[in-house]
Amino acid sequence: MPLVFILNAALIISVIHLIRKLSPLWCALILVPTILLSMWNTILFYPQEFSPSIPKQIKYSVAAILHYDDVTPADWEGYTYHPSRTGESEKYVVALYKYKRQVPLDGTTYFYNDTDYHKDHPIRSLSDTPSELEPHHQFIWWLLQTFEK
């Protein structure tokens, strides 16, 4: 966290110092990329406890969606939740979405096939599925639903 604050503070202070004597047009032309760079620094360097970095999560999510046709039922049936940095959980969500009609809704299947953490939340309804997923997995589900994969 300190790295994020230090980089963004240094960036903002130097830009403020630079644009003090410039015209409003130049200020706007410099501030827009500065804000975007500050956002990128925050995304890139924001620490993750158990998950990979945010850019890697985005990369894994995009790869999982692009390989939608290659996903098999084994990708959701055989997955067991564990902190992973290989994109397996994103692939699981895409497979769960693709084969959602094959998921038994009798309470015997759990989200992420994890009976420890999700023991109180078995899969009983397809409409409740997105709310039980991790936030970036909810976004994957929403993308798949929106673009009707």
Protein backbone atom coordinates (compact mmCIF):
# COMPACT_ATOMS: atom_id res chain seq x y z
CA MET A 1 0.00 0.00 0.00
CA PRO A 2 2.70 2.57 0.77
CA LEU A 3 4.13 2.13 -2.74
CA VAL A 4 0.76 3.02 -4.28
CA PHE A 5 0.46 6.16 -2.15
CA ILE A 6 4.05 7.25 -2.75
CA LEU A 7 3.87 6.79 -6.53
CA ASN A 8 0.53 8.56 -6.85
CA ALA A 9 1.57 11.40 -4.52
CA ALA A 10 4.82 11.93 -6.43
CA LEU A 11 2.96 11.88 -9.74
CA ILE A 12 0.29 14.34 -8.60
CA ILE A 13 2.73 16.73 -6.90
CA SER A 14 5.00 16.83 -9.94
CA VAL A 15 2.08 17.41 -12.32
CA ILE A 16 0.66 20.19 -10.14
CA HIS A 17 4.08 21.79 -10.11
CA LEU A 18 4.32 21.43 -13.90
CA ILE A 19 0.90 22.81 -14.83
CA ARG A 20 0.79 25.83 -12.51
CA LYS A 21 1.78 28.26 -15.27
CA LEU A 22 0.13 26.56 -18.24
CA SER A 23 -3.07 27.51 -20.01
CA PRO A 24 -6.28 25.66 -19.11
CA LEU A 25 -6.16 23.66 -22.35
CA TRP A 26 -2.67 22.35 -21.59
CA CYS A 27 -3.72 21.63 -18.01
CA ALA A 28 -6.57 19.46 -19.25
CA LEU A 29 -4.32 17.70 -21.78
CA ILE A 30 -1.85 16.86 -19.01
CA LEU A 31 -4.36 16.02 -16.26
CA VAL A 32 -6.31 13.37 -18.21
CA PRO A 33 -3.28 11.10 -18.85
CA THR A 34 -2.09 11.79 -15.30
CA ILE A 35 -5.37 10.58 -13.82
CA LEU A 36 -5.29 7.49 -16.06
CA LEU A 37 -1.69 6.79 -15.03
CA SER A 38 -2.61 7.18 -11.38
CA MET A 39 -5.47 4.71 -11.81
CA TRP A 40 -3.14 2.26 -13.58
CA ASN A 41 -0.58 2.55 -10.74
CA THR A 42 -3.28 1.83 -8.20
CA ILE A 43 -4.55 -1.21 -10.11
CA LEU A 44 -1.08 -2.54 -10.83
CA PHE A 45 0.42 -2.17 -7.37
CA TYR A 46 -2.61 -2.73 -5.14
CA PRO A 47 -1.69 -5.70 -2.94
CA GLN A 48 -3.72 -8.90 -3.01
CA GLU A 49 -3.64 -11.31 -0.08
CA PHE A 50 -4.55 -14.59 -1.75
CA SER A 51 -5.37 -13.70 -5.32
CA PRO A 52 -2.97 -12.75 -8.08
CA SER A 53 -2.50 -9.11 -8.99
CA ILE A 54 -5.44 -7.33 -10.56
CA PRO A 55 -3.87 -7.24 -14.06
CA LYS A 56 -3.33 -11.02 -13.84
CA GLN A 57 -6.93 -11.53 -12.72
CA ILE A 58 -8.05 -9.51 -15.73
CA LYS A 59 -5.77 -11.57 -17.99
CA TYR A 60 -7.10 -14.86 -16.57
CA SER A 61 -10.69 -13.67 -16.90
CA VAL A 62 -10.25 -12.62 -20.52
CA ALA A 63 -8.47 -15.89 -21.35
CA ALA A 64 -11.24 -17.95 -19.72
CA ILE A 65 -13.94 -16.09 -21.64
CA LEU A 66 -12.05 -16.35 -24.94
CA HIS A 67 -11.67 -20.12 -24.42
CA TYR A 68 -15.37 -20.55 -23.67
CA ASP A 69 -15.75 -23.20 -26.37
CA ASP A 70 -12.83 -25.24 -24.98
CA VAL A 71 -14.27 -25.50 -21.46
CA THR A 72 -15.57 -28.93 -20.43
CA PRO A 73 -17.85 -30.09 -17.60
CA ALA A 74 -14.72 -31.36 -15.83
CA ASP A 75 -13.59 -27.74 -15.41
CA TRP A 76 -16.42 -27.07 -12.95
CA GLU A 77 -16.93 -30.58 -11.56
CA GLY A 78 -13.25 -31.22 -10.88
CA TYR A 79 -12.40 -27.81 -9.50
CA THR A 80 -11.80 -27.46 -5.77
CA TYR A 81 -11.41 -24.04 -4.26
CA HIS A 82 -7.91 -23.11 -3.20
CA PRO A 83 -5.90 -19.91 -3.50
CA SER A 84 -4.55 -20.20 -7.02
CA ARG A 85 -2.52 -17.98 -9.24
CA THR A 86 -3.08 -19.87 -12.46
CA GLY A 87 -6.54 -18.78 -13.60
CA GLU A 88 -8.30 -22.00 -12.60
CA SER A 89 -11.05 -20.20 -10.70
CA GLU A 90 -11.91 -18.03 -13.71
CA LYS A 91 -12.09 -21.14 -15.87
CA TYR A 92 -14.35 -22.72 -13.22
CA VAL A 93 -16.78 -19.79 -13.41
CA VAL A 94 -16.92 -19.92 -17.21
CA ALA A 95 -17.52 -23.69 -17.08
CA LEU A 96 -20.17 -23.26 -14.37
CA TYR A 97 -21.91 -20.71 -16.59
CA LYS A 98 -21.63 -22.85 -19.72
CA TYR A 99 -22.95 -25.99 -18.02
CA LYS A 100 -25.32 -24.31 -15.56
CA ARG A 101 -28.26 -26.40 -16.81
CA GLN A 102 -26.38 -29.57 -15.79
CA VAL A 103 -25.69 -28.43 -12.23
CA PRO A 104 -27.89 -30.34 -9.77
CA LEU A 105 -30.02 -27.84 -7.85
CA ASP A 106 -30.85 -30.25 -5.02
CA GLY A 107 -28.29 -28.78 -2.61
CA THR A 108 -25.61 -31.43 -3.15
CA THR A 109 -23.32 -29.14 -5.16
CA TYR A 110 -21.54 -26.19 -3.56
CA PHE A 111 -20.06 -23.05 -5.03
CA TYR A 112 -16.43 -23.59 -5.99
CA ASN A 113 -17.02 -27.23 -4.92
CA ASP A 114 -15.95 -26.04 -1.48
CA THR A 115 -17.83 -27.60 1.41
CA ASP A 116 -15.71 -25.82 4.03
CA TYR A 117 -16.19 -22.17 3.13
CA HIS A 118 -19.43 -22.47 1.16
CA LYS A 119 -21.09 -25.20 3.27
CA ASP A 120 -24.03 -22.94 4.10
CA HIS A 121 -24.50 -21.98 0.45
CA PRO A 122 -25.20 -24.95 -1.81
CA ILE A 123 -26.27 -24.26 -5.38
CA ARG A 124 -30.08 -24.36 -5.27
CA SER A 125 -31.00 -21.79 -7.91
CA LEU A 126 -29.42 -20.47 -11.08
CA SER A 127 -30.74 -16.97 -10.43
CA ASP A 128 -28.86 -16.77 -7.10
CA THR A 129 -25.58 -17.98 -8.57
CA PRO A 130 -23.97 -14.62 -9.43
CA SER A 131 -24.44 -13.23 -5.92
CA GLU A 132 -22.59 -16.19 -4.39
CA LEU A 133 -19.52 -15.75 -6.60
CA GLU A 134 -16.46 -13.66 -5.83
CA PRO A 135 -16.77 -10.07 -7.13
CA HIS A 136 -14.59 -10.42 -10.22
CA HIS A 137 -16.28 -13.76 -10.96
CA GLN A 138 -19.64 -11.98 -10.77
CA PHE A 139 -18.34 -9.67 -13.47
CA ILE A 140 -17.34 -12.65 -15.66
CA TRP A 141 -20.83 -14.12 -15.18
CA TRP A 142 -22.40 -10.78 -16.07
CA LEU A 143 -20.28 -10.48 -19.23
CA LEU A 144 -21.24 -13.99 -20.34
CA GLN A 145 -24.89 -13.29 -19.62
CA THR A 146 -24.86 -9.90 -21.33
CA PHE A 147 -23.21 -11.15 -24.49
CA GLU A 148 -25.23 -14.38 -24.40
CA LYS A 149 -22.37 -16.82 -24.65
